[in-house]
Amino acid sequence: TSATEPILDRSKLEPIVCTSRGLMLF
């Protein structure tokens, strides 16, 4: 995206991403 600030950070992802499933961010 063209956002000038991060749109994803630990505080947003930690509660929603399941530890068993995991996630890859590029």
mmCIF file of all heavy atoms, coordinates in Angstrom:
data_MODEL
# 
_entry.id   MODEL 
# 
loop_
_atom_site.group_PDB 
_atom_site.id 
_atom_site.type_symbol 
_atom_site.label_atom_id 
_atom_site.label_alt_id 
_atom_site.label_comp_id 
_atom_site.label_asym_id 
_atom_site.label_entity_id 
_atom_site.label_seq_id 
_atom_site.pdbx_PDB_ins_code 
_atom_site.Cartn_x 
_atom_site.Cartn_y 
_atom_site.Cartn_z 
_atom_site.occupancy 
_atom_site.B_iso_or_equiv 
_atom_site.pdbx_formal_charge 
_atom_site.auth_seq_id 
_atom_site.auth_comp_id 
_atom_site.auth_asym_id 
_atom_site.auth_atom_id 
_atom_site.pdbx_PDB_model_num 
ATOM 1   N N   . THR A 1 1  ? 0.843  -1.197  0.000  1.00 0.00 ? 1  THR A N   1 
ATOM 2   C CA  . THR A 1 1  ? 0.000  0.000   0.000  1.00 0.00 ? 1  THR A CA  1 
ATOM 3   C C   . THR A 1 1  ? 0.877  1.246   0.000  1.00 0.00 ? 1  THR A C   1 
ATOM 4   O O   . THR A 1 1  ? 2.080  1.172   0.208  1.00 0.00 ? 1  THR A O   1 
ATOM 5   C CB  . THR A 1 1  ? -0.938 0.051   1.228  1.00 0.00 ? 1  THR A CB  1 
ATOM 6   O OG1 . THR A 1 1  ? -0.197 0.510   2.368  1.00 0.00 ? 1  THR A OG1 1 
ATOM 7   C CG2 . THR A 1 1  ? -1.551 -1.310  1.516  1.00 0.00 ? 1  THR A CG2 1 
ATOM 8   N N   . SER A 1 2  ? 0.253  2.382   -0.212 1.00 0.00 ? 2  SER A N   1 
ATOM 9   C CA  . SER A 1 2  ? 0.985  3.658   -0.237 1.00 0.00 ? 2  SER A CA  1 
ATOM 10  C C   . SER A 1 2  ? 1.018  4.330   1.131  1.00 0.00 ? 2  SER A C   1 
ATOM 11  O O   . SER A 1 2  ? 1.398  5.501   1.246  1.00 0.00 ? 2  SER A O   1 
ATOM 12  C CB  . SER A 1 2  ? 0.346  4.608   -1.251 1.00 0.00 ? 2  SER A CB  1 
ATOM 13  O OG  . SER A 1 2  ? -1.018 4.834   -0.926 1.00 0.00 ? 2  SER A OG  1 
ATOM 14  N N   . ALA A 1 3  ? 0.620  3.605   2.176  1.00 0.00 ? 3  ALA A N   1 
ATOM 15  C CA  . ALA A 1 3  ? 0.621  4.181   3.523  1.00 0.00 ? 3  ALA A CA  1 
ATOM 16  C C   . ALA A 1 3  ? 2.021  4.625   3.923  1.00 0.00 ? 3  ALA A C   1 
ATOM 17  O O   . ALA A 1 3  ? 3.009  3.950   3.614  1.00 0.00 ? 3  ALA A O   1 
ATOM 18  C CB  . ALA A 1 3  ? 0.094  3.153   4.521  1.00 0.00 ? 3  ALA A CB  1 
ATOM 19  N N   . THR A 1 4  ? 2.118  5.755   4.581  1.00 0.00 ? 4  THR A N   1 
ATOM 20  C CA  . THR A 1 4  ? 3.429  6.273   4.997  1.00 0.00 ? 4  THR A CA  1 
ATOM 21  C C   . THR A 1 4  ? 3.828  5.816   6.393  1.00 0.00 ? 4  THR A C   1 
ATOM 22  O O   . THR A 1 4  ? 4.943  6.086   6.840  1.00 0.00 ? 4  THR A O   1 
ATOM 23  C CB  . THR A 1 4  ? 3.431  7.815   4.942  1.00 0.00 ? 4  THR A CB  1 
ATOM 24  O OG1 . THR A 1 4  ? 2.366  8.306   5.768  1.00 0.00 ? 4  THR A OG1 1 
ATOM 25  C CG2 . THR A 1 4  ? 3.230  8.299   3.519  1.00 0.00 ? 4  THR A CG2 1 
ATOM 26  N N   . GLU A 1 5  ? 2.912  5.144   7.087  1.00 0.00 ? 5  GLU A N   1 
ATOM 27  C CA  . GLU A 1 5  ? 3.186  4.574   8.408  1.00 0.00 ? 5  GLU A CA  1 
ATOM 28  C C   . GLU A 1 5  ? 2.769  3.107   8.398  1.00 0.00 ? 5  GLU A C   1 
ATOM 29  O O   . GLU A 1 5  ? 1.908  2.703   7.601  1.00 0.00 ? 5  GLU A O   1 
ATOM 30  C CB  . GLU A 1 5  ? 2.393  5.323   9.497  1.00 0.00 ? 5  GLU A CB  1 
ATOM 31  C CG  . GLU A 1 5  ? 2.739  6.800   9.632  1.00 0.00 ? 5  GLU A CG  1 
ATOM 32  C CD  . GLU A 1 5  ? 4.125  7.026   10.219 1.00 0.00 ? 5  GLU A CD  1 
ATOM 33  O OE1 . GLU A 1 5  ? 4.631  6.113   10.906 1.00 0.00 ? 5  GLU A OE1 1 
ATOM 34  O OE2 . GLU A 1 5  ? 4.695  8.108   9.993  1.00 0.00 ? 5  GLU A OE2 1 
ATOM 35  N N   . PRO A 1 6  ? 3.354  2.268   9.257  1.00 0.00 ? 6  PRO A N   1 
ATOM 36  C CA  . PRO A 1 6  ? 2.969  0.849   9.295  1.00 0.00 ? 6  PRO A CA  1 
ATOM 37  C C   . PRO A 1 6  ? 1.476  0.682   9.565  1.00 0.00 ? 6  PRO A C   1 
ATOM 38  O O   . PRO A 1 6  ? 0.907  1.353   10.423 1.00 0.00 ? 6  PRO A O   1 
ATOM 39  C CB  . PRO A 1 6  ? 3.797  0.292   10.449 1.00 0.00 ? 6  PRO A CB  1 
ATOM 40  C CG  . PRO A 1 6  ? 4.987  1.197   10.548 1.00 0.00 ? 6  PRO A CG  1 
ATOM 41  C CD  . PRO A 1 6  ? 4.473  2.559   10.193 1.00 0.00 ? 6  PRO A CD  1 
ATOM 42  N N   . ILE A 1 7  ? 0.847  -0.222  8.817  1.00 0.00 ? 7  ILE A N   1 
ATOM 43  C CA  . ILE A 1 7  ? -0.578 -0.499  9.040  1.00 0.00 ? 7  ILE A CA  1 
ATOM 44  C C   . ILE A 1 7  ? -0.766 -1.798  9.821  1.00 0.00 ? 7  ILE A C   1 
ATOM 45  O O   . ILE A 1 7  ? -1.870 -2.095  10.272 1.00 0.00 ? 7  ILE A O   1 
ATOM 46  C CB  . ILE A 1 7  ? -1.347 -0.572  7.703  1.00 0.00 ? 7  ILE A CB  1 
ATOM 47  C CG1 . ILE A 1 7  ? -0.766 -1.666  6.787  1.00 0.00 ? 7  ILE A CG1 1 
ATOM 48  C CG2 . ILE A 1 7  ? -1.337 0.771   6.996  1.00 0.00 ? 7  ILE A CG2 1 
ATOM 49  C CD1 . ILE A 1 7  ? -1.560 -1.876  5.506  1.00 0.00 ? 7  ILE A CD1 1 
ATOM 50  N N   . LEU A 1 8  ? 0.334  -2.561  9.976  1.00 0.00 ? 8  LEU A N   1 
ATOM 51  C CA  . LEU A 1 8  ? 0.295  -3.778  10.786 1.00 0.00 ? 8  LEU A CA  1 
ATOM 52  C C   . LEU A 1 8  ? 1.432  -3.745  11.796 1.00 0.00 ? 8  LEU A C   1 
ATOM 53  O O   . LEU A 1 8  ? 2.565  -3.414  11.457 1.00 0.00 ? 8  LEU A O   1 
ATOM 54  C CB  . LEU A 1 8  ? 0.447  -5.023  9.898  1.00 0.00 ? 8  LEU A CB  1 
ATOM 55  C CG  . LEU A 1 8  ? -0.684 -5.318  8.902  1.00 0.00 ? 8  LEU A CG  1 
ATOM 56  C CD1 . LEU A 1 8  ? -0.318 -6.506  8.032  1.00 0.00 ? 8  LEU A CD1 1 
ATOM 57  C CD2 . LEU A 1 8  ? -2.005 -5.561  9.624  1.00 0.00 ? 8  LEU A CD2 1 
ATOM 58  N N   . ASP A 1 9  ? 1.117  -4.066  13.045 1.00 0.00 ? 9  ASP A N   1 
ATOM 59  C CA  . ASP A 1 9  ? 2.163  -4.143  14.066 1.00 0.00 ? 9  ASP A CA  1 
ATOM 60  C C   . ASP A 1 9  ? 1.801  -5.251  15.054 1.00 0.00 ? 9  ASP A C   1 
ATOM 61  O O   . ASP A 1 9  ? 0.790  -5.945  14.905 1.00 0.00 ? 9  ASP A O   1 
ATOM 62  C CB  . ASP A 1 9  ? 2.342  -2.800  14.773 1.00 0.00 ? 9  ASP A CB  1 
ATOM 63  C CG  . ASP A 1 9  ? 1.054  -2.275  15.393 1.00 0.00 ? 9  ASP A CG  1 
ATOM 64  O OD1 . ASP A 1 9  ? 0.160  -3.109  15.682 1.00 0.00 ? 9  ASP A OD1 1 
ATOM 65  O OD2 . ASP A 1 9  ? 0.931  -1.054  15.591 1.00 0.00 ? 9  ASP A OD2 1 
ATOM 66  N N   . ARG A 1 10 ? 2.644  -5.428  16.049 1.00 0.00 ? 10 ARG A N   1 
ATOM 67  C CA  . ARG A 1 10 ? 2.445  -6.514  17.012 1.00 0.00 ? 10 ARG A CA  1 
ATOM 68  C C   . ARG A 1 10 ? 1.101  -6.398  17.723 1.00 0.00 ? 10 ARG A C   1 
ATOM 69  O O   . ARG A 1 10 ? 0.390  -7.395  17.902 1.00 0.00 ? 10 ARG A O   1 
ATOM 70  C CB  . ARG A 1 10 ? 3.586  -6.513  18.031 1.00 0.00 ? 10 ARG A CB  1 
ATOM 71  C CG  . ARG A 1 10 ? 3.405  -7.551  19.120 1.00 0.00 ? 10 ARG A CG  1 
ATOM 72  C CD  . ARG A 1 10 ? 4.601  -7.677  20.031 1.00 0.00 ? 10 ARG A CD  1 
ATOM 73  N NE  . ARG A 1 10 ? 4.347  -8.685  21.066 1.00 0.00 ? 10 ARG A NE  1 
ATOM 74  C CZ  . ARG A 1 10 ? 5.274  -9.220  21.823 1.00 0.00 ? 10 ARG A CZ  1 
ATOM 75  N NH1 . ARG A 1 10 ? 6.546  -8.839  21.684 1.00 0.00 ? 10 ARG A NH1 1 
ATOM 76  N NH2 . ARG A 1 10 ? 4.973  -10.131 22.731 1.00 0.00 ? 10 ARG A NH2 1 
ATOM 77  N N   . SER A 1 11 ? 0.740  -5.188  18.129 1.00 0.00 ? 11 SER A N   1 
ATOM 78  C CA  . SER A 1 11 ? -0.493 -5.010  18.903 1.00 0.00 ? 11 SER A CA  1 
ATOM 79  C C   . SER A 1 11 ? -1.732 -5.416  18.114 1.00 0.00 ? 11 SER A C   1 
ATOM 80  O O   . SER A 1 11 ? -2.729 -5.860  18.698 1.00 0.00 ? 11 SER A O   1 
ATOM 81  C CB  . SER A 1 11 ? -0.620 -3.553  19.357 1.00 0.00 ? 11 SER A CB  1 
ATOM 82  O OG  . SER A 1 11 ? -0.769 -2.691  18.236 1.00 0.00 ? 11 SER A OG  1 
ATOM 83  N N   . LYS A 1 12 ? -1.695 -5.290  16.780 1.00 0.00 ? 12 LYS A N   1 
ATOM 84  C CA  . LYS A 1 12 ? -2.840 -5.665  15.951 1.00 0.00 ? 12 LYS A CA  1 
ATOM 85  C C   . LYS A 1 12 ? -2.850 -7.162  15.628 1.00 0.00 ? 12 LYS A C   1 
ATOM 86  O O   . LYS A 1 12 ? -3.914 -7.786  15.567 1.00 0.00 ? 12 LYS A O   1 
ATOM 87  C CB  . LYS A 1 12 ? -2.832 -4.859  14.648 1.00 0.00 ? 12 LYS A CB  1 
ATOM 88  C CG  . LYS A 1 12 ? -3.152 -3.390  14.826 1.00 0.00 ? 12 LYS A CG  1 
ATOM 89  C CD  . LYS A 1 12 ? -3.082 -2.659  13.486 1.00 0.00 ? 12 LYS A CD  1 
ATOM 90  C CE  . LYS A 1 12 ? -3.390 -1.167  13.672 1.00 0.00 ? 12 LYS A CE  1 
ATOM 91  N NZ  . LYS A 1 12 ? -3.211 -0.413  12.406 1.00 0.00 ? 12 LYS A NZ  1 
ATOM 92  N N   . LEU A 1 13 ? -1.661 -7.729  15.423 1.00 0.00 ? 13 LEU A N   1 
ATOM 93  C CA  . LEU A 1 13 ? -1.592 -9.107  14.962 1.00 0.00 ? 13 LEU A CA  1 
ATOM 94  C C   . LEU A 1 13 ? -1.608 -10.140 16.085 1.00 0.00 ? 13 LEU A C   1 
ATOM 95  O O   . LEU A 1 13 ? -2.154 -11.232 15.922 1.00 0.00 ? 13 LEU A O   1 
ATOM 96  C CB  . LEU A 1 13 ? -0.340 -9.307  14.108 1.00 0.00 ? 13 LEU A CB  1 
ATOM 97  C CG  . LEU A 1 13 ? -0.307 -8.535  12.778 1.00 0.00 ? 13 LEU A CG  1 
ATOM 98  C CD1 . LEU A 1 13 ? 1.021  -8.735  12.076 1.00 0.00 ? 13 LEU A CD1 1 
ATOM 99  C CD2 . LEU A 1 13 ? -1.456 -8.969  11.870 1.00 0.00 ? 13 LEU A CD2 1 
ATOM 100 N N   . GLU A 1 14 ? -1.012 -9.806  17.213 1.00 0.00 ? 14 GLU A N   1 
ATOM 101 C CA  . GLU A 1 14 ? -0.894 -10.794 18.290 1.00 0.00 ? 14 GLU A CA  1 
ATOM 102 C C   . GLU A 1 14 ? -2.243 -11.354 18.727 1.00 0.00 ? 14 GLU A C   1 
ATOM 103 O O   . GLU A 1 14 ? -2.380 -12.583 18.919 1.00 0.00 ? 14 GLU A O   1 
ATOM 104 C CB  . GLU A 1 14 ? -0.143 -10.186 19.478 1.00 0.00 ? 14 GLU A CB  1 
ATOM 105 C CG  . GLU A 1 14 ? 0.233  -11.207 20.536 1.00 0.00 ? 14 GLU A CG  1 
ATOM 106 C CD  . GLU A 1 14 ? 1.178  -10.635 21.586 1.00 0.00 ? 14 GLU A CD  1 
ATOM 107 O OE1 . GLU A 1 14 ? 1.259  -9.384  21.706 1.00 0.00 ? 14 GLU A OE1 1 
ATOM 108 O OE2 . GLU A 1 14 ? 1.842  -11.432 22.263 1.00 0.00 ? 14 GLU A OE2 1 
ATOM 109 N N   . PRO A 1 15 ? -3.300 -10.518 18.878 1.00 0.00 ? 15 PRO A N   1 
ATOM 110 C CA  . PRO A 1 15 ? -4.587 -11.065 19.345 1.00 0.00 ? 15 PRO A CA  1 
ATOM 111 C C   . PRO A 1 15 ? -5.327 -11.881 18.293 1.00 0.00 ? 15 PRO A C   1 
ATOM 112 O O   . PRO A 1 15 ? -6.225 -12.656 18.638 1.00 0.00 ? 15 PRO A O   1 
ATOM 113 C CB  . PRO A 1 15 ? -5.391 -9.804  19.704 1.00 0.00 ? 15 PRO A CB  1 
ATOM 114 C CG  . PRO A 1 15 ? -4.414 -8.682  19.724 1.00 0.00 ? 15 PRO A CG  1 
ATOM 115 C CD  . PRO A 1 15 ? -3.348 -9.049  18.761 1.00 0.00 ? 15 PRO A CD  1 
ATOM 116 N N   . ILE A 1 16 ? -4.994 -11.708 16.999 1.00 0.00 ? 16 ILE A N   1 
ATOM 117 C CA  . ILE A 1 16 ? -5.846 -12.312 15.958 1.00 0.00 ? 16 ILE A CA  1 
ATOM 118 C C   . ILE A 1 16 ? -5.204 -13.489 15.240 1.00 0.00 ? 16 ILE A C   1 
ATOM 119 O O   . ILE A 1 16 ? -5.915 -14.286 14.613 1.00 0.00 ? 16 ILE A O   1 
ATOM 120 C CB  . ILE A 1 16 ? -6.275 -11.254 14.912 1.00 0.00 ? 16 ILE A CB  1 
ATOM 121 C CG1 . ILE A 1 16 ? -5.058 -10.732 14.134 1.00 0.00 ? 16 ILE A CG1 1 
ATOM 122 C CG2 . ILE A 1 16 ? -7.047 -10.114 15.549 1.00 0.00 ? 16 ILE A CG2 1 
ATOM 123 C CD1 . ILE A 1 16 ? -5.424 -9.876  12.931 1.00 0.00 ? 16 ILE A CD1 1 
ATOM 124 N N   . VAL A 1 17 ? -3.869 -13.618 15.289 1.00 0.00 ? 17 VAL A N   1 
ATOM 125 C CA  . VAL A 1 17 ? -3.214 -14.699 14.555 1.00 0.00 ? 17 VAL A CA  1 
ATOM 126 C C   . VAL A 1 17 ? -2.982 -15.879 15.483 1.00 0.00 ? 17 VAL A C   1 
ATOM 127 O O   . VAL A 1 17 ? -2.293 -15.767 16.502 1.00 0.00 ? 17 VAL A O   1 
ATOM 128 C CB  . VAL A 1 17 ? -1.875 -14.229 13.946 1.00 0.00 ? 17 VAL A CB  1 
ATOM 129 C CG1 . VAL A 1 17 ? -1.178 -15.394 13.238 1.00 0.00 ? 17 VAL A CG1 1 
ATOM 130 C CG2 . VAL A 1 17 ? -2.103 -13.077 12.972 1.00 0.00 ? 17 VAL A CG2 1 
ATOM 131 N N   . CYS A 1 18 ? -3.548 -17.015 15.120 1.00 0.00 ? 18 CYS A N   1 
ATOM 132 C CA  . CYS A 1 18 ? -3.466 -18.224 15.938 1.00 0.00 ? 18 CYS A CA  1 
ATOM 133 C C   . CYS A 1 18 ? -2.033 -18.754 15.947 1.00 0.00 ? 18 CYS A C   1 
ATOM 134 O O   . CYS A 1 18 ? -1.398 -18.868 14.894 1.00 0.00 ? 18 CYS A O   1 
ATOM 135 C CB  . CYS A 1 18 ? -4.414 -19.274 15.375 1.00 0.00 ? 18 CYS A CB  1 
ATOM 136 S SG  . CYS A 1 18 ? -4.348 -20.844 16.255 1.00 0.00 ? 18 CYS A SG  1 
ATOM 137 N N   . THR A 1 19 ? -1.526 -19.078 17.123 1.00 0.00 ? 19 THR A N   1 
ATOM 138 C CA  . THR A 1 19 ? -0.143 -19.551 17.239 1.00 0.00 ? 19 THR A CA  1 
ATOM 139 C C   . THR A 1 19 ? 0.058  -20.887 16.538 1.00 0.00 ? 19 THR A C   1 
ATOM 140 O O   . THR A 1 19 ? 1.143  -21.186 16.050 1.00 0.00 ? 19 THR A O   1 
ATOM 141 C CB  . THR A 1 19 ? 0.250  -19.686 18.724 1.00 0.00 ? 19 THR A CB  1 
ATOM 142 O OG1 . THR A 1 19 ? -0.692 -20.557 19.373 1.00 0.00 ? 19 THR A OG1 1 
ATOM 143 C CG2 . THR A 1 19 ? 0.271  -18.336 19.404 1.00 0.00 ? 19 THR A CG2 1 
ATOM 144 N N   . SER A 1 20 ? -0.984 -21.692 16.456 1.00 0.00 ? 20 SER A N   1 
ATOM 145 C CA  . SER A 1 20 ? -0.855 -22.999 15.803 1.00 0.00 ? 20 SER A CA  1 
ATOM 146 C C   . SER A 1 20 ? -0.854 -22.879 14.285 1.00 0.00 ? 20 SER A C   1 
ATOM 147 O O   . SER A 1 20 ? -0.241 -23.674 13.583 1.00 0.00 ? 20 SER A O   1 
ATOM 148 C CB  . SER A 1 20 ? -1.990 -23.922 16.241 1.00 0.00 ? 20 SER A CB  1 
ATOM 149 O OG  . SER A 1 20 ? -3.244 -23.355 15.886 1.00 0.00 ? 20 SER A OG  1 
ATOM 150 N N   . ARG A 1 21 ? -1.541 -21.857 13.767 1.00 0.00 ? 21 ARG A N   1 
ATOM 151 C CA  . ARG A 1 21 ? -1.623 -21.697 12.313 1.00 0.00 ? 21 ARG A CA  1 
ATOM 152 C C   . ARG A 1 21 ? -0.403 -20.970 11.775 1.00 0.00 ? 21 ARG A C   1 
ATOM 153 O O   . ARG A 1 21 ? 0.183  -21.345 10.780 1.00 0.00 ? 21 ARG A O   1 
ATOM 154 C CB  . ARG A 1 21 ? -2.897 -20.927 11.943 1.00 0.00 ? 21 ARG A CB  1 
ATOM 155 C CG  . ARG A 1 21 ? -3.012 -20.675 10.446 1.00 0.00 ? 21 ARG A CG  1 
ATOM 156 C CD  . ARG A 1 21 ? -4.335 -20.065 10.061 1.00 0.00 ? 21 ARG A CD  1 
ATOM 157 N NE  . ARG A 1 21 ? -4.473 -19.947 8.623  1.00 0.00 ? 21 ARG A NE  1 
ATOM 158 C CZ  . ARG A 1 21 ? -5.575 -20.264 7.951  1.00 0.00 ? 21 ARG A CZ  1 
ATOM 159 N NH1 . ARG A 1 21 ? -6.618 -20.748 8.592  1.00 0.00 ? 21 ARG A NH1 1 
ATOM 160 N NH2 . ARG A 1 21 ? -5.625 -20.117 6.643  1.00 0.00 ? 21 ARG A NH2 1 
ATOM 161 N N   . GLY A 1 22 ? -0.016 -19.886 12.462 1.00 0.00 ? 22 GLY A N   1 
ATOM 162 C CA  . GLY A 1 22 ? 1.117  -19.106 12.007 1.00 0.00 ? 22 GLY A CA  1 
ATOM 163 C C   . GLY A 1 22 ? 0.768  -18.230 10.806 1.00 0.00 ? 22 GLY A C   1 
ATOM 164 O O   . GLY A 1 22 ? -0.337 -18.317 10.249 1.00 0.00 ? 22 GLY A O   1 
ATOM 165 N N   . LEU A 1 23 ? 1.700  -17.391 10.410 1.00 0.00 ? 23 LEU A N   1 
ATOM 166 C CA  . LEU A 1 23 ? 1.465  -16.451 9.308  1.00 0.00 ? 23 LEU A CA  1 
ATOM 167 C C   . LEU A 1 23 ? 2.800  -16.001 8.723  1.00 0.00 ? 23 LEU A C   1 
ATOM 168 O O   . LEU A 1 23 ? 3.778  -15.821 9.454  1.00 0.00 ? 23 LEU A O   1 
ATOM 169 C CB  . LEU A 1 23 ? 0.688  -15.230 9.820  1.00 0.00 ? 23 LEU A CB  1 
ATOM 170 C CG  . LEU A 1 23 ? 0.404  -14.114 8.804  1.00 0.00 ? 23 LEU A CG  1 
ATOM 171 C CD1 . LEU A 1 23 ? -0.600 -14.585 7.759  1.00 0.00 ? 23 LEU A CD1 1 
ATOM 172 C CD2 . LEU A 1 23 ? -0.114 -12.866 9.517  1.00 0.00 ? 23 LEU A CD2 1 
ATOM 173 N N   . MET A 1 24 ? 2.824  -15.831 7.396  1.00 0.00 ? 24 MET A N   1 
ATOM 174 C CA  . MET A 1 24 ? 3.991  -15.243 6.744  1.00 0.00 ? 24 MET A CA  1 
ATOM 175 C C   . MET A 1 24 ? 3.592  -13.925 6.101  1.00 0.00 ? 24 MET A C   1 
ATOM 176 O O   . MET A 1 24 ? 2.597  -13.852 5.355  1.00 0.00 ? 24 MET A O   1 
ATOM 177 C CB  . MET A 1 24 ? 4.573  -16.198 5.702  1.00 0.00 ? 24 MET A CB  1 
ATOM 178 C CG  . MET A 1 24 ? 5.470  -17.246 6.323  1.00 0.00 ? 24 MET A CG  1 
ATOM 179 S SD  . MET A 1 24 ? 6.478  -18.113 5.119  1.00 0.00 ? 24 MET A SD  1 
ATOM 180 C CE  . MET A 1 24 ? 5.228  -19.151 4.402  1.00 0.00 ? 24 MET A CE  1 
ATOM 181 N N   . LEU A 1 25 ? 4.361  -12.882 6.422  1.00 0.00 ? 25 LEU A N   1 
ATOM 182 C CA  . LEU A 1 25 ? 4.113  -11.536 5.898  1.00 0.00 ? 25 LEU A CA  1 
ATOM 183 C C   . LEU A 1 25 ? 5.246  -11.149 4.952  1.00 0.00 ? 25 LEU A C   1 
ATOM 184 O O   . LEU A 1 25 ? 6.420  -11.264 5.306  1.00 0.00 ? 25 LEU A O   1 
ATOM 185 C CB  . LEU A 1 25 ? 4.056  -10.518 7.040  1.00 0.00 ? 25 LEU A CB  1 
ATOM 186 C CG  . LEU A 1 25 ? 2.850  -10.559 7.982  1.00 0.00 ? 25 LEU A CG  1 
ATOM 187 C CD1 . LEU A 1 25 ? 3.111  -9.658  9.181  1.00 0.00 ? 25 LEU A CD1 1 
ATOM 188 C CD2 . LEU A 1 25 ? 1.601  -10.104 7.251  1.00 0.00 ? 25 LEU A CD2 1 
ATOM 189 N N   . PHE A 1 26 ? 4.878  -10.667 3.767  1.00 0.00 ? 26 PHE A N   1 
ATOM 190 C CA  . PHE A 1 26 ? 5.868  -10.197 2.801  1.00 0.00 ? 26 PHE A CA  1 
ATOM 191 C C   . PHE A 1 26 ? 5.552  -8.733  2.498  1.00 0.00 ? 26 PHE A C   1 
ATOM 192 O O   . PHE A 1 26 ? 4.575  -8.420  1.807  1.00 0.00 ? 26 PHE A O   1 
ATOM 193 C CB  . PHE A 1 26 ? 5.830  -11.044 1.531  1.00 0.00 ? 26 PHE A CB  1 
ATOM 194 C CG  . PHE A 1 26 ? 6.210  -12.476 1.772  1.00 0.00 ? 26 PHE A CG  1 
ATOM 195 C CD1 . PHE A 1 26 ? 5.246  -13.411 2.145  1.00 0.00 ? 26 PHE A CD1 1 
ATOM 196 C CD2 . PHE A 1 26 ? 7.526  -12.899 1.650  1.00 0.00 ? 26 PHE A CD2 1 
ATOM 197 C CE1 . PHE A 1 26 ? 5.591  -14.726 2.384  1.00 0.00 ? 26 PHE A CE1 1 
ATOM 198 C CE2 . PHE A 1 26 ? 7.878  -14.213 1.890  1.00 0.00 ? 26 PHE A CE2 1 
ATOM 199 C CZ  . PHE A 1 26 ? 6.922  -15.129 2.257  1.00 0.00 ? 26 PHE A CZ  1 
# 
